[in-house]
Amino acid sequence: LAVGTDLLELPAGKLDVPGEDPAAAARRECIEEVGLDPGRLRLLHGCFTSPGFTDEYSYIYLAEELRRTSADPQGAEEHAAAVVSLSINEIGEALRTDAVHDATTLVGLQALIRVVAE
């Protein structure tokens, strides 16, 4: 891990092939990382991850209508990861107490809270 500490992160990954649909990649990552297959994905937000350094763009989806399936971790980090479930109140507390340090996860959780509040 480049930052030297565990992080609370949403399922995420790279687009594996040129032209890969971001929603298809999100579905694949949910299955690989947490063993959940979304029946529906809703785009919440998109953002550049580090615009001063790279043109990488993250698509952040809300996964709904989840079905359990076997997780399929692909790398060492995925094998070592633990799945954590948080309620909306716990997410709010994690944001208030500065417990989330991954930028894409911060954006995604803020977007989720916005959608839930609507």
PDB file of N, CA and C in Angstrom:
ATOM      1  N   LEU A   1       0.854  -1.189   0.000  1.00  0.00           N
ATOM      2  CA  LEU A   1       0.000   0.000   0.000  1.00  0.00           C
ATOM      3  C   LEU A   1       0.887   1.234   0.000  1.00  0.00           C
ATOM      4  N   ALA A   2       0.710   2.082  -0.964  1.00  0.00           N
ATOM      5  CA  ALA A   2       1.577   3.248  -1.152  1.00  0.00           C
ATOM      6  C   ALA A   2       1.535   4.209   0.035  1.00  0.00           C
ATOM      7  N   VAL A   3       0.398   4.331   0.709  1.00  0.00           N
ATOM      8  CA  VAL A   3       0.289   5.308   1.797  1.00  0.00           C
ATOM      9  C   VAL A   3       0.694   4.732   3.145  1.00  0.00           C
ATOM     10  N   GLY A   4       0.944   3.446   3.225  1.00  0.00           N
ATOM     11  CA  GLY A   4       1.456   2.832   4.446  1.00  0.00           C
ATOM     12  C   GLY A   4       0.443   2.604   5.547  1.00  0.00           C
ATOM     13  N   THR A   5      -0.838   2.692   5.247  1.00  0.00           N
ATOM     14  CA  THR A   5      -1.862   2.450   6.259  1.00  0.00           C
ATOM     15  C   THR A   5      -3.125   1.924   5.577  1.00  0.00           C
ATOM     16  N   ASP A   6      -3.962   1.251   6.341  1.00  0.00           N
ATOM     17  CA  ASP A   6      -5.232   0.778   5.797  1.00  0.00           C
ATOM     18  C   ASP A   6      -6.150   1.963   5.539  1.00  0.00           C
ATOM     19  N   LEU A   7      -6.958   1.834   4.499  1.00  0.00           N
ATOM     20  CA  LEU A   7      -7.909   2.880   4.140  1.00  0.00           C
ATOM     21  C   LEU A   7      -9.306   2.290   4.018  1.00  0.00           C
ATOM     22  N   LEU A   8     -10.288   3.086   4.327  1.00  0.00           N
ATOM     23  CA  LEU A   8     -11.677   2.740   4.058  1.00  0.00           C
ATOM     24  C   LEU A   8     -11.960   3.218   2.643  1.00  0.00           C
ATOM     25  N   GLU A   9     -12.263   2.264   1.728  1.00  0.00           N
ATOM     26  CA  GLU A   9     -12.450   2.605   0.321  1.00  0.00           C
ATOM     27  C   GLU A   9     -13.695   1.942  -0.243  1.00  0.00           C
ATOM     28  N   LEU A  10     -14.345   2.628  -1.158  1.00  0.00           N
ATOM     29  CA  LEU A  10     -15.406   2.027  -1.938  1.00  0.00           C
ATOM     30  C   LEU A  10     -14.780   1.048  -2.932  1.00  0.00           C
ATOM     31  N   PRO A  11     -15.520   0.032  -3.386  1.00  0.00           N
ATOM     32  CA  PRO A  11     -14.980  -0.827  -4.447  1.00  0.00           C
ATOM     33  C   PRO A  11     -14.591   0.044  -5.642  1.00  0.00           C
ATOM     34  N   ALA A  12     -13.402  -0.202  -6.174  1.00  0.00           N
ATOM     35  CA  ALA A  12     -12.901   0.637  -7.268  1.00  0.00           C
ATOM     36  C   ALA A  12     -11.897  -0.136  -8.094  1.00  0.00           C
ATOM     37  N   GLY A  13     -11.668   0.349  -9.290  1.00  0.00           N
ATOM     38  CA  GLY A  13     -10.667  -0.268 -10.141  1.00  0.00           C
ATOM     39  C   GLY A  13     -10.507   0.507 -11.427  1.00  0.00           C
ATOM     40  N   LYS A  14      -9.571   0.067 -12.191  1.00  0.00           N
ATOM     41  CA  LYS A  14      -9.276   0.701 -13.475  1.00  0.00           C
ATOM     42  C   LYS A  14     -10.157   0.116 -14.569  1.00  0.00           C
ATOM     43  N   LEU A  15     -10.359   0.905 -15.614  1.00  0.00           N
ATOM     44  CA  LEU A  15     -10.983   0.372 -16.819  1.00  0.00           C
ATOM     45  C   LEU A  15      -9.932  -0.531 -17.454  1.00  0.00           C
ATOM     46  N   ASP A  16     -10.239  -1.825 -17.591  1.00  0.00           N
ATOM     47  CA  ASP A  16      -9.236  -2.814 -17.998  1.00  0.00           C
ATOM     48  C   ASP A  16      -8.866  -2.786 -19.473  1.00  0.00           C
ATOM     49  N   VAL A  17      -9.792  -2.406 -20.316  1.00  0.00           N
ATOM     50  CA  VAL A  17      -9.522  -2.400 -21.756  1.00  0.00           C
ATOM     51  C   VAL A  17      -9.966  -1.059 -22.345  1.00  0.00           C
ATOM     52  N   PRO A  18      -9.289  -0.587 -23.373  1.00  0.00           N
ATOM     53  CA  PRO A  18      -9.709   0.675 -23.994  1.00  0.00           C
ATOM     54  C   PRO A  18     -11.173   0.605 -24.423  1.00  0.00           C
ATOM     55  N   GLY A  19     -11.916   1.645 -24.090  1.00  0.00           N
ATOM     56  CA  GLY A  19     -13.320   1.711 -24.470  1.00  0.00           C
ATOM     57  C   GLY A  19     -14.257   0.968 -23.536  1.00  0.00           C
ATOM     58  N   GLU A  20     -13.722   0.374 -22.447  1.00  0.00           N
ATOM     59  CA  GLU A  20     -14.586  -0.355 -21.505  1.00  0.00           C
ATOM     60  C   GLU A  20     -15.619   0.597 -20.912  1.00  0.00           C
ATOM     61  N   ASP A  21     -16.852   0.149 -20.842  1.00  0.00           N
ATOM     62  CA  ASP A  21     -17.929   0.928 -20.256  1.00  0.00           C
ATOM     63  C   ASP A  21     -17.687   1.078 -18.753  1.00  0.00           C
ATOM     64  N   PRO A  22     -17.682   2.307 -18.215  1.00  0.00           N
ATOM     65  CA  PRO A  22     -17.443   2.490 -16.781  1.00  0.00           C
ATOM     66  C   PRO A  22     -18.441   1.727 -15.899  1.00  0.00           C
ATOM     67  N   ALA A  23     -19.692   1.627 -16.302  1.00  0.00           N
ATOM     68  CA  ALA A  23     -20.675   0.880 -15.505  1.00  0.00           C
ATOM     69  C   ALA A  23     -20.333  -0.608 -15.482  1.00  0.00           C
ATOM     70  N   ALA A  24     -19.879  -1.155 -16.609  1.00  0.00           N
ATOM     71  CA  ALA A  24     -19.478  -2.569 -16.644  1.00  0.00           C
ATOM     72  C   ALA A  24     -18.286  -2.794 -15.725  1.00  0.00           C
ATOM     73  N   ALA A  25     -17.346  -1.856 -15.708  1.00  0.00           N
ATOM     74  CA  ALA A  25     -16.194  -1.966 -14.815  1.00  0.00           C
ATOM     75  C   ALA A  25     -16.642  -1.882 -13.355  1.00  0.00           C
ATOM     76  N   ALA A  26     -17.583  -1.009 -13.054  1.00  0.00           N
ATOM     77  CA  ALA A  26     -18.090  -0.890 -11.684  1.00  0.00           C
ATOM     78  C   ALA A  26     -18.749  -2.194 -11.242  1.00  0.00           C
ATOM     79  N   ARG A  27     -19.535  -2.786 -12.114  1.00  0.00           N
ATOM     80  CA  ARG A  27     -20.183  -4.059 -11.804  1.00  0.00           C
ATOM     81  C   ARG A  27     -19.116  -5.136 -11.529  1.00  0.00           C
ATOM     82  N   ARG A  28     -18.116  -5.222 -12.395  1.00  0.00           N
ATOM     83  CA  ARG A  28     -17.035  -6.197 -12.237  1.00  0.00           C
ATOM     84  C   ARG A  28     -16.310  -6.002 -10.910  1.00  0.00           C
ATOM     85  N   GLU A  29     -16.009  -4.772 -10.563  1.00  0.00           N
ATOM     86  CA  GLU A  29     -15.296  -4.497  -9.311  1.00  0.00           C
ATOM     87  C   GLU A  29     -16.130  -4.852  -8.090  1.00  0.00           C
ATOM     88  N   CYS A  30     -17.430  -4.601  -8.133  1.00  0.00           N
ATOM     89  CA  CYS A  30     -18.305  -4.988  -7.010  1.00  0.00           C
ATOM     90  C   CYS A  30     -18.262  -6.497  -6.790  1.00  0.00           C
ATOM     91  N   ILE A  31     -18.326  -7.242  -7.874  1.00  0.00           N
ATOM     92  CA  ILE A  31     -18.284  -8.702  -7.776  1.00  0.00           C
ATOM     93  C   ILE A  31     -16.925  -9.146  -7.260  1.00  0.00           C
ATOM     94  N   GLU A  32     -15.852  -8.648  -7.865  1.00  0.00           N
ATOM     95  CA  GLU A  32     -14.502  -9.058  -7.471  1.00  0.00           C
ATOM     96  C   GLU A  32     -14.201  -8.717  -6.024  1.00  0.00           C
ATOM     97  N   GLU A  33     -14.497  -7.498  -5.616  1.00  0.00           N
ATOM     98  CA  GLU A  33     -14.035  -7.008  -4.328  1.00  0.00           C
ATOM     99  C   GLU A  33     -14.938  -7.335  -3.155  1.00  0.00           C
ATOM    100  N   VAL A  34     -16.255  -7.332  -3.353  1.00  0.00           N
ATOM    101  CA  VAL A  34     -17.143  -7.537  -2.205  1.00  0.00           C
ATOM    102  C   VAL A  34     -18.156  -8.655  -2.396  1.00  0.00           C
ATOM    103  N   GLY A  35     -18.149  -9.323  -3.546  1.00  0.00           N
ATOM    104  CA  GLY A  35     -19.064 -10.437  -3.757  1.00  0.00           C
ATOM    105  C   GLY A  35     -20.517 -10.020  -3.869  1.00  0.00           C
ATOM    106  N   LEU A  36     -20.757  -8.833  -4.429  1.00  0.00           N
ATOM    107  CA  LEU A  36     -22.120  -8.353  -4.646  1.00  0.00           C
ATOM    108  C   LEU A  36     -22.273  -7.965  -6.108  1.00  0.00           C
ATOM    109  N   ASP A  37     -23.350  -8.459  -6.732  1.00  0.00           N
ATOM    110  CA  ASP A  37     -23.628  -8.178  -8.139  1.00  0.00           C
ATOM    111  C   ASP A  37     -24.787  -7.191  -8.201  1.00  0.00           C
ATOM    112  N   PRO A  38     -24.522  -5.954  -8.622  1.00  0.00           N
ATOM    113  CA  PRO A  38     -25.589  -4.956  -8.682  1.00  0.00           C
ATOM    114  C   PRO A  38     -26.573  -5.232  -9.813  1.00  0.00           C
ATOM    115  N   GLY A  39     -27.855  -5.203  -9.487  1.00  0.00           N
ATOM    116  CA  GLY A  39     -28.875  -5.312 -10.516  1.00  0.00           C
ATOM    117  C   GLY A  39     -29.038  -3.997 -11.256  1.00  0.00           C
ATOM    118  N   ARG A  40     -28.657  -2.904 -10.591  1.00  0.00           N
ATOM    119  CA  ARG A  40     -28.778  -1.573 -11.199  1.00  0.00           C
ATOM    120  C   ARG A  40     -27.650  -0.694 -10.675  1.00  0.00           C
ATOM    121  N   LEU A  41     -27.091   0.109 -11.557  1.00  0.00           N
ATOM    122  CA  LEU A  41     -26.066   1.078 -11.189  1.00  0.00           C
ATOM    123  C   LEU A  41     -26.547   2.461 -11.580  1.00  0.00           C
ATOM    124  N   ARG A  42     -26.387   3.412 -10.668  1.00  0.00           N
ATOM    125  CA  ARG A  42     -26.781   4.799 -10.936  1.00  0.00           C
ATOM    126  C   ARG A  42     -25.555   5.689 -10.764  1.00  0.00           C
ATOM    127  N   LEU A  43     -25.194   6.423 -11.797  1.00  0.00           N
ATOM    128  CA  LEU A  43     -24.047   7.318 -11.723  1.00  0.00           C
ATOM    129  C   LEU A  43     -24.352   8.437 -10.731  1.00  0.00           C
ATOM    130  N   LEU A  44     -23.501   8.561  -9.705  1.00  0.00           N
ATOM    131  CA  LEU A  44     -23.675   9.617  -8.704  1.00  0.00           C
ATOM    132  C   LEU A  44     -22.830  10.843  -9.014  1.00  0.00           C
ATOM    133  N   HIS A  45     -21.607  10.582  -9.453  1.00  0.00           N
ATOM    134  CA  HIS A  45     -20.683  11.704  -9.639  1.00  0.00           C
ATOM    135  C   HIS A  45     -19.468  11.210 -10.416  1.00  0.00           C
ATOM    136  N   GLY A  46     -18.724  12.117 -10.934  1.00  0.00           N
ATOM    137  CA  GLY A  46     -17.457  11.819 -11.580  1.00  0.00           C
ATOM    138  C   GLY A  46     -16.447  12.867 -11.181  1.00  0.00           C
ATOM    139  N   CYS A  47     -15.175  12.482 -11.136  1.00  0.00           N
ATOM    140  CA  CYS A  47     -14.158  13.445 -10.731  1.00  0.00           C
ATOM    141  C   CYS A  47     -12.776  13.028 -11.224  1.00  0.00           C
ATOM    142  N   PHE A  48     -11.919  14.014 -11.426  1.00  0.00           N
ATOM    143  CA  PHE A  48     -10.515  13.742 -11.687  1.00  0.00           C
ATOM    144  C   PHE A  48      -9.877  13.400 -10.341  1.00  0.00           C
ATOM    145  N   THR A  49      -9.059  12.355 -10.314  1.00  0.00           N
ATOM    146  CA  THR A  49      -8.495  11.901  -9.037  1.00  0.00           C
ATOM    147  C   THR A  49      -7.326  12.759  -8.573  1.00  0.00           C
ATOM    148  N   SER A  50      -6.528  13.251  -9.490  1.00  0.00           N
ATOM    149  CA  SER A  50      -5.376  14.080  -9.140  1.00  0.00           C
ATOM    150  C   SER A  50      -4.981  14.899 -10.364  1.00  0.00           C
ATOM    151  N   PRO A  51      -5.756  15.956 -10.680  1.00  0.00           N
ATOM    152  CA  PRO A  51      -5.600  16.663 -11.953  1.00  0.00           C
ATOM    153  C   PRO A  51      -4.236  17.316 -12.167  1.00  0.00           C
ATOM    154  N   GLY A  52      -3.485  17.574 -11.124  1.00  0.00           N
ATOM    155  CA  GLY A  52      -2.151  18.146 -11.302  1.00  0.00           C
ATOM    156  C   GLY A  52      -1.126  17.111 -11.717  1.00  0.00           C
ATOM    157  N   PHE A  53      -1.521  15.833 -11.642  1.00  0.00           N
ATOM    158  CA  PHE A  53      -0.573  14.741 -11.876  1.00  0.00           C
ATOM    159  C   PHE A  53      -0.990  13.817 -13.007  1.00  0.00           C
ATOM    160  N   THR A  54      -2.303  13.594 -13.147  1.00  0.00           N
ATOM    161  CA  THR A  54      -2.795  12.618 -14.114  1.00  0.00           C
ATOM    162  C   THR A  54      -4.151  13.053 -14.655  1.00  0.00           C
ATOM    163  N   ASP A  55      -4.541  12.487 -15.791  1.00  0.00           N
ATOM    164  CA  ASP A  55      -5.871  12.762 -16.335  1.00  0.00           C
ATOM    165  C   ASP A  55      -6.880  11.679 -15.944  1.00  0.00           C
ATOM    166  N   GLU A  56      -6.528  10.847 -14.962  1.00  0.00           N
ATOM    167  CA  GLU A  56      -7.428   9.778 -14.504  1.00  0.00           C
ATOM    168  C   GLU A  56      -8.754  10.374 -14.016  1.00  0.00           C
ATOM    169  N   TYR A  57      -9.833   9.767 -14.466  1.00  0.00           N
ATOM    170  CA  TYR A  57     -11.178  10.222 -14.123  1.00  0.00           C
ATOM    171  C   TYR A  57     -11.921   9.063 -13.482  1.00  0.00           C
ATOM    172  N   SER A  58     -12.552   9.291 -12.344  1.00  0.00           N
ATOM    173  CA  SER A  58     -13.314   8.257 -11.650  1.00  0.00           C
ATOM    174  C   SER A  58     -14.804   8.475 -11.827  1.00  0.00           C
ATOM    175  N   TYR A  59     -15.503   7.393 -12.125  1.00  0.00           N
ATOM    176  CA  TYR A  59     -16.960   7.376 -12.197  1.00  0.00           C
ATOM    177  C   TYR A  59     -17.434   6.713 -10.914  1.00  0.00           C
ATOM    178  N   ILE A  60     -18.331   7.379 -10.199  1.00  0.00           N
ATOM    179  CA  ILE A  60     -18.786   6.864  -8.910  1.00  0.00           C
ATOM    180  C   ILE A  60     -20.257   6.503  -9.034  1.00  0.00           C
ATOM    181  N   TYR A  61     -20.541   5.229  -8.810  1.00  0.00           N
ATOM    182  CA  TYR A  61     -21.884   4.693  -8.984  1.00  0.00           C
ATOM    183  C   TYR A  61     -22.492   4.279  -7.658  1.00  0.00           C
ATOM    184  N   LEU A  62     -23.800   4.379  -7.583  1.00  0.00           N
ATOM    185  CA  LEU A  62     -24.574   3.779  -6.505  1.00  0.00           C
ATOM    186  C   LEU A  62     -25.037   2.423  -7.008  1.00  0.00           C
ATOM    187  N   ALA A  63     -24.627   1.368  -6.325  1.00  0.00           N
ATOM    188  CA  ALA A  63     -25.022   0.001  -6.695  1.00  0.00           C
ATOM    189  C   ALA A  63     -26.299  -0.343  -5.937  1.00  0.00           C
ATOM    190  N   GLU A  64     -27.324  -0.726  -6.671  1.00  0.00           N
ATOM    191  CA  GLU A  64     -28.621  -1.049  -6.078  1.00  0.00           C
ATOM    192  C   GLU A  64     -29.060  -2.445  -6.505  1.00  0.00           C
ATOM    193  N   GLU A  65     -30.088  -2.956  -5.833  1.00  0.00           N
ATOM    194  CA  GLU A  65     -30.629  -4.285  -6.131  1.00  0.00           C
ATOM    195  C   GLU A  65     -29.509  -5.326  -6.121  1.00  0.00           C
ATOM    196  N   LEU A  66     -28.770  -5.358  -5.028  1.00  0.00           N
ATOM    197  CA  LEU A  66     -27.588  -6.215  -4.903  1.00  0.00           C
ATOM    198  C   LEU A  66     -27.966  -7.675  -4.700  1.00  0.00           C
ATOM    199  N   ARG A  67     -27.211  -8.540  -5.367  1.00  0.00           N
ATOM    200  CA  ARG A  67     -27.356  -9.987  -5.195  1.00  0.00           C
ATOM    201  C   ARG A  67     -26.009 -10.539  -4.752  1.00  0.00           C
ATOM    202  N   ARG A  68     -26.026 -11.376  -3.733  1.00  0.00           N
ATOM    203  CA  ARG A  68     -24.780 -12.006  -3.266  1.00  0.00           C
ATOM    204  C   ARG A  68     -24.251 -12.953  -4.319  1.00  0.00           C
ATOM    205  N   THR A  69     -22.943 -12.951  -4.462  1.00  0.00           N
ATOM    206  CA  THR A  69     -22.250 -13.868  -5.346  1.00  0.00           C
ATOM    207  C   THR A  69     -20.883 -14.120  -4.722  1.00  0.00           C
ATOM    208  N   SER A  70     -20.119 -14.983  -5.283  1.00  0.00           N
ATOM    209  CA  SER A  70     -18.780 -15.241  -4.759  1.00  0.00           C
ATOM    210  C   SER A  70     -17.857 -14.090  -5.131  1.00  0.00           C
ATOM    211  N   ALA A  71     -17.116 -13.613  -4.130  1.00  0.00           N
ATOM    212  CA  ALA A  71     -16.104 -12.600  -4.407  1.00  0.00           C
ATOM    213  C   ALA A  71     -15.017 -13.240  -5.268  1.00  0.00           C
ATOM    214  N   ASP A  72     -14.344 -12.439  -6.049  1.00  0.00           N
ATOM    215  CA  ASP A  72     -13.299 -12.930  -6.946  1.00  0.00           C
ATOM    216  C   ASP A  72     -12.103 -11.981  -6.889  1.00  0.00           C
ATOM    217  N   PRO A  73     -11.435 -11.906  -5.696  1.00  0.00           N
ATOM    218  CA  PRO A  73     -10.321 -10.967  -5.567  1.00  0.00           C
ATOM    219  C   PRO A  73      -9.215 -11.274  -6.567  1.00  0.00           C
ATOM    220  N   GLN A  74      -8.681 -10.213  -7.189  1.00  0.00           N
ATOM    221  CA  GLN A  74      -7.691 -10.383  -8.248  1.00  0.00           C
ATOM    222  C   GLN A  74      -6.263 -10.103  -7.804  1.00  0.00           C
ATOM    223  N   GLY A  75      -6.063  -9.263  -6.834  1.00  0.00           N
ATOM    224  CA  GLY A  75      -4.705  -8.889  -6.432  1.00  0.00           C
ATOM    225  C   GLY A  75      -4.484  -9.071  -4.947  1.00  0.00           C
ATOM    226  N   ALA A  76      -3.246  -8.850  -4.521  1.00  0.00           N
ATOM    227  CA  ALA A  76      -2.885  -9.010  -3.112  1.00  0.00           C
ATOM    228  C   ALA A  76      -3.697  -8.086  -2.212  1.00  0.00           C
ATOM    229  N   GLU A  77      -3.923  -6.847  -2.672  1.00  0.00           N
ATOM    230  CA  GLU A  77      -4.683  -5.903  -1.860  1.00  0.00           C
ATOM    231  C   GLU A  77      -6.124  -6.372  -1.678  1.00  0.00           C
ATOM    232  N   GLU A  78      -6.717  -6.907  -2.746  1.00  0.00           N
ATOM    233  CA  GLU A  78      -8.095  -7.403  -2.652  1.00  0.00           C
ATOM    234  C   GLU A  78      -8.173  -8.627  -1.755  1.00  0.00           C
ATOM    235  N   HIS A  79      -7.156  -9.488  -1.803  1.00  0.00           N
ATOM    236  CA  HIS A  79      -7.146 -10.669  -0.936  1.00  0.00           C
ATOM    237  C   HIS A  79      -7.035 -10.282   0.535  1.00  0.00           C
ATOM    238  N   ALA A  80      -6.326  -9.204   0.821  1.00  0.00           N
ATOM    239  CA  ALA A  80      -6.117  -8.773   2.206  1.00  0.00           C
ATOM    240  C   ALA A  80      -7.234  -7.877   2.720  1.00  0.00           C
ATOM    241  N   ALA A  81      -8.111  -7.411   1.847  1.00  0.00           N
ATOM    242  CA  ALA A  81      -9.151  -6.454   2.234  1.00  0.00           C
ATOM    243  C   ALA A  81     -10.258  -7.115   3.044  1.00  0.00           C
ATOM    244  N   ALA A  82     -10.843  -6.338   3.920  1.00  0.00           N
ATOM    245  CA  ALA A  82     -12.016  -6.764   4.679  1.00  0.00           C
ATOM    246  C   ALA A  82     -13.204  -5.932   4.206  1.00  0.00           C
ATOM    247  N   VAL A  83     -14.344  -6.570   4.054  1.00  0.00           N
ATOM    248  CA  VAL A  83     -15.554  -5.867   3.656  1.00  0.00           C
ATOM    249  C   VAL A  83     -16.196  -5.269   4.904  1.00  0.00           C
ATOM    250  N   VAL A  84     -16.501  -3.993   4.837  1.00  0.00           N
ATOM    251  CA  VAL A  84     -17.112  -3.265   5.952  1.00  0.00           C
ATOM    252  C   VAL A  84     -18.422  -2.671   5.454  1.00  0.00           C
ATOM    253  N   SER A  85     -19.487  -2.869   6.207  1.00  0.00           N
ATOM    254  CA  SER A  85     -20.782  -2.275   5.879  1.00  0.00           C
ATOM    255  C   SER A  85     -21.078  -1.173   6.882  1.00  0.00           C
ATOM    256  N   LEU A  86     -21.509  -0.030   6.378  1.00  0.00           N
ATOM    257  CA  LEU A  86     -21.846   1.103   7.236  1.00  0.00           C
ATOM    258  C   LEU A  86     -23.252   1.592   6.930  1.00  0.00           C
ATOM    259  N   SER A  87     -23.979   1.962   7.965  1.00  0.00           N
ATOM    260  CA  SER A  87     -25.280   2.594   7.777  1.00  0.00           C
ATOM    261  C   SER A  87     -25.048   4.042   7.336  1.00  0.00           C
ATOM    262  N   ILE A  88     -26.091   4.688   6.873  1.00  0.00           N
ATOM    263  CA  ILE A  88     -25.977   6.101   6.487  1.00  0.00           C
ATOM    264  C   ILE A  88     -25.508   6.939   7.675  1.00  0.00           C
ATOM    265  N   ASN A  89     -26.016   6.658   8.868  1.00  0.00           N
ATOM    266  CA  ASN A  89     -25.572   7.402  10.052  1.00  0.00           C
ATOM    267  C   ASN A  89     -24.090   7.175  10.330  1.00  0.00           C
ATOM    268  N   GLU A  90     -23.623   5.926  10.165  1.00  0.00           N
ATOM    269  CA  GLU A  90     -22.204   5.627  10.377  1.00  0.00           C
ATOM    270  C   GLU A  90     -21.328   6.292   9.323  1.00  0.00           C
ATOM    271  N   ILE A  91     -21.831   6.383   8.093  1.00  0.00           N
ATOM    272  CA  ILE A  91     -21.089   7.091   7.047  1.00  0.00           C
ATOM    273  C   ILE A  91     -20.950   8.564   7.424  1.00  0.00           C
ATOM    274  N   GLY A  92     -22.035   9.176   7.854  1.00  0.00           N
ATOM    275  CA  GLY A  92     -21.982  10.569   8.287  1.00  0.00           C
ATOM    276  C   GLY A  92     -20.987  10.773   9.412  1.00  0.00           C
ATOM    277  N   GLU A  93     -20.966   9.855  10.364  1.00  0.00           N
ATOM    278  CA  GLU A  93     -20.023   9.945  11.484  1.00  0.00           C
ATOM    279  C   GLU A  93     -18.585   9.783  10.997  1.00  0.00           C
ATOM    280  N   ALA A  94     -18.351   8.850  10.078  1.00  0.00           N
ATOM    281  CA  ALA A  94     -17.000   8.643   9.532  1.00  0.00           C
ATOM    282  C   ALA A  94     -16.520   9.906   8.810  1.00  0.00           C
ATOM    283  N   LEU A  95     -17.414  10.576   8.115  1.00  0.00           N
ATOM    284  CA  LEU A  95     -17.044  11.823   7.438  1.00  0.00           C
ATOM    285  C   LEU A  95     -16.793  12.949   8.444  1.00  0.00           C
ATOM    286  N   ARG A  96     -17.630  13.025   9.479  1.00  0.00           N
ATOM    287  CA  ARG A  96     -17.465  14.074  10.498  1.00  0.00           C
ATOM    288  C   ARG A  96     -16.186  13.902  11.294  1.00  0.00           C
ATOM    289  N   THR A  97     -15.753  12.652  11.510  1.00  0.00           N
ATOM    290  CA  THR A  97     -14.586  12.396  12.354  1.00  0.00           C
ATOM    291  C   THR A  97     -13.302  12.218  11.564  1.00  0.00           C
ATOM    292  N   ASP A  98     -13.346  12.512  10.263  1.00  0.00           N
ATOM    293  CA  ASP A  98     -12.154  12.439   9.415  1.00  0.00           C
ATOM    294  C   ASP A  98     -11.580  11.024   9.344  1.00  0.00           C
ATOM    295  N   ALA A  99     -12.465  10.016   9.301  1.00  0.00           N
ATOM    296  CA  ALA A  99     -12.028   8.625   9.237  1.00  0.00           C
ATOM    297  C   ALA A  99     -11.821   8.138   7.805  1.00  0.00           C
ATOM    298  N   VAL A 100     -12.207   8.934   6.821  1.00  0.00           N
ATOM    299  CA  VAL A 100     -12.081   8.551   5.413  1.00  0.00           C
ATOM    300  C   VAL A 100     -11.021   9.436   4.772  1.00  0.00           C
ATOM    301  N   HIS A 101      -9.990   8.801   4.176  1.00  0.00           N
ATOM    302  CA  HIS A 101      -8.876   9.557   3.613  1.00  0.00           C
ATOM    303  C   HIS A 101      -8.680   9.336   2.116  1.00  0.00           C
ATOM    304  N   ASP A 102      -9.410   8.419   1.523  1.00  0.00           N
ATOM    305  CA  ASP A 102      -9.334   8.180   0.089  1.00  0.00           C
ATOM    306  C   ASP A 102     -10.244   9.186  -0.613  1.00  0.00           C
ATOM    307  N   ALA A 103      -9.687   9.953  -1.551  1.00  0.00           N
ATOM    308  CA  ALA A 103     -10.434  11.054  -2.171  1.00  0.00           C
ATOM    309  C   ALA A 103     -11.680  10.575  -2.911  1.00  0.00           C
ATOM    310  N   THR A 104     -11.567   9.510  -3.694  1.00  0.00           N
ATOM    311  CA  THR A 104     -12.722   9.036  -4.448  1.00  0.00           C
ATOM    312  C   THR A 104     -13.815   8.536  -3.506  1.00  0.00           C
ATOM    313  N   THR A 105     -13.416   7.903  -2.417  1.00  0.00           N
ATOM    314  CA  THR A 105     -14.392   7.446  -1.428  1.00  0.00           C
ATOM    315  C   THR A 105     -15.070   8.637  -0.762  1.00  0.00           C
ATOM    316  N   LEU A 106     -14.319   9.674  -0.446  1.00  0.00           N
ATOM    317  CA  LEU A 106     -14.912  10.885   0.138  1.00  0.00           C
ATOM    318  C   LEU A 106     -15.965  11.480  -0.792  1.00  0.00           C
ATOM    319  N   VAL A 107     -15.621  11.609  -2.060  1.00  0.00           N
ATOM    320  CA  VAL A 107     -16.565  12.163  -3.034  1.00  0.00           C
ATOM    321  C   VAL A 107     -17.796  11.264  -3.141  1.00  0.00           C
ATOM    322  N   GLY A 108     -17.579   9.955  -3.221  1.00  0.00           N
ATOM    323  CA  GLY A 108     -18.689   9.016  -3.349  1.00  0.00           C
ATOM    324  C   GLY A 108     -19.617   9.024  -2.150  1.00  0.00           C
ATOM    325  N   LEU A 109     -19.055   9.053  -0.954  1.00  0.00           N
ATOM    326  CA  LEU A 109     -19.900   9.051   0.249  1.00  0.00           C
ATOM    327  C   LEU A 109     -20.664  10.362   0.391  1.00  0.00           C
ATOM    328  N   GLN A 110     -20.020  11.478   0.060  1.00  0.00           N
ATOM    329  CA  GLN A 110     -20.723  12.767   0.087  1.00  0.00           C
ATOM    330  C   GLN A 110     -21.870  12.763  -0.918  1.00  0.00           C
ATOM    331  N   ALA A 111     -21.633  12.217  -2.110  1.00  0.00           N
ATOM    332  CA  ALA A 111     -22.680  12.146  -3.129  1.00  0.00           C
ATOM    333  C   ALA A 111     -23.817  11.242  -2.679  1.00  0.00           C
ATOM    334  N   LEU A 112     -23.488  10.138  -2.028  1.00  0.00           N
ATOM    335  CA  LEU A 112     -24.516   9.228  -1.514  1.00  0.00           C
ATOM    336  C   LEU A 112     -25.386   9.936  -0.475  1.00  0.00           C
ATOM    337  N   ILE A 113     -24.771  10.634   0.447  1.00  0.00           N
ATOM    338  CA  ILE A 113     -25.539  11.346   1.474  1.00  0.00           C
ATOM    339  C   ILE A 113     -26.443  12.390   0.832  1.00  0.00           C
ATOM    340  N   ARG A 114     -25.962  13.069  -0.197  1.00  0.00           N
ATOM    341  CA  ARG A 114     -26.788  14.036  -0.919  1.00  0.00           C
ATOM    342  C   ARG A 114     -28.011  13.370  -1.525  1.00  0.00           C
ATOM    343  N   VAL A 115     -27.819  12.200  -2.151  1.00  0.00           N
ATOM    344  CA  VAL A 115     -28.927  11.483  -2.790  1.00  0.00           C
ATOM    345  C   VAL A 115     -29.928  10.987  -1.742  1.00  0.00           C
ATOM    346  N   VAL A 116     -29.447  10.481  -0.635  1.00  0.00           N
ATOM    347  CA  VAL A 116     -30.328   9.977   0.424  1.00  0.00           C
ATOM    348  C   VAL A 116     -31.147  11.120   1.011  1.00  0.00           C
ATOM    349  N   ALA A 117     -30.558  12.312   1.106  1.00  0.00           N
ATOM    350  CA  ALA A 117     -31.261  13.459   1.687  1.00  0.00           C
ATOM    351  C   ALA A 117     -32.335  14.028   0.773  1.00  0.00           C
ATOM    352  N   GLU A 118     -32.308  13.691  -0.526  1.00  0.00           N
ATOM    353  CA  GLU A 118     -33.282  14.246  -1.476  1.00  0.00           C
ATOM    354  C   GLU A 118     -34.660  13.685  -1.259  1.00  0.00           C
TER     355      GLU A 118
END
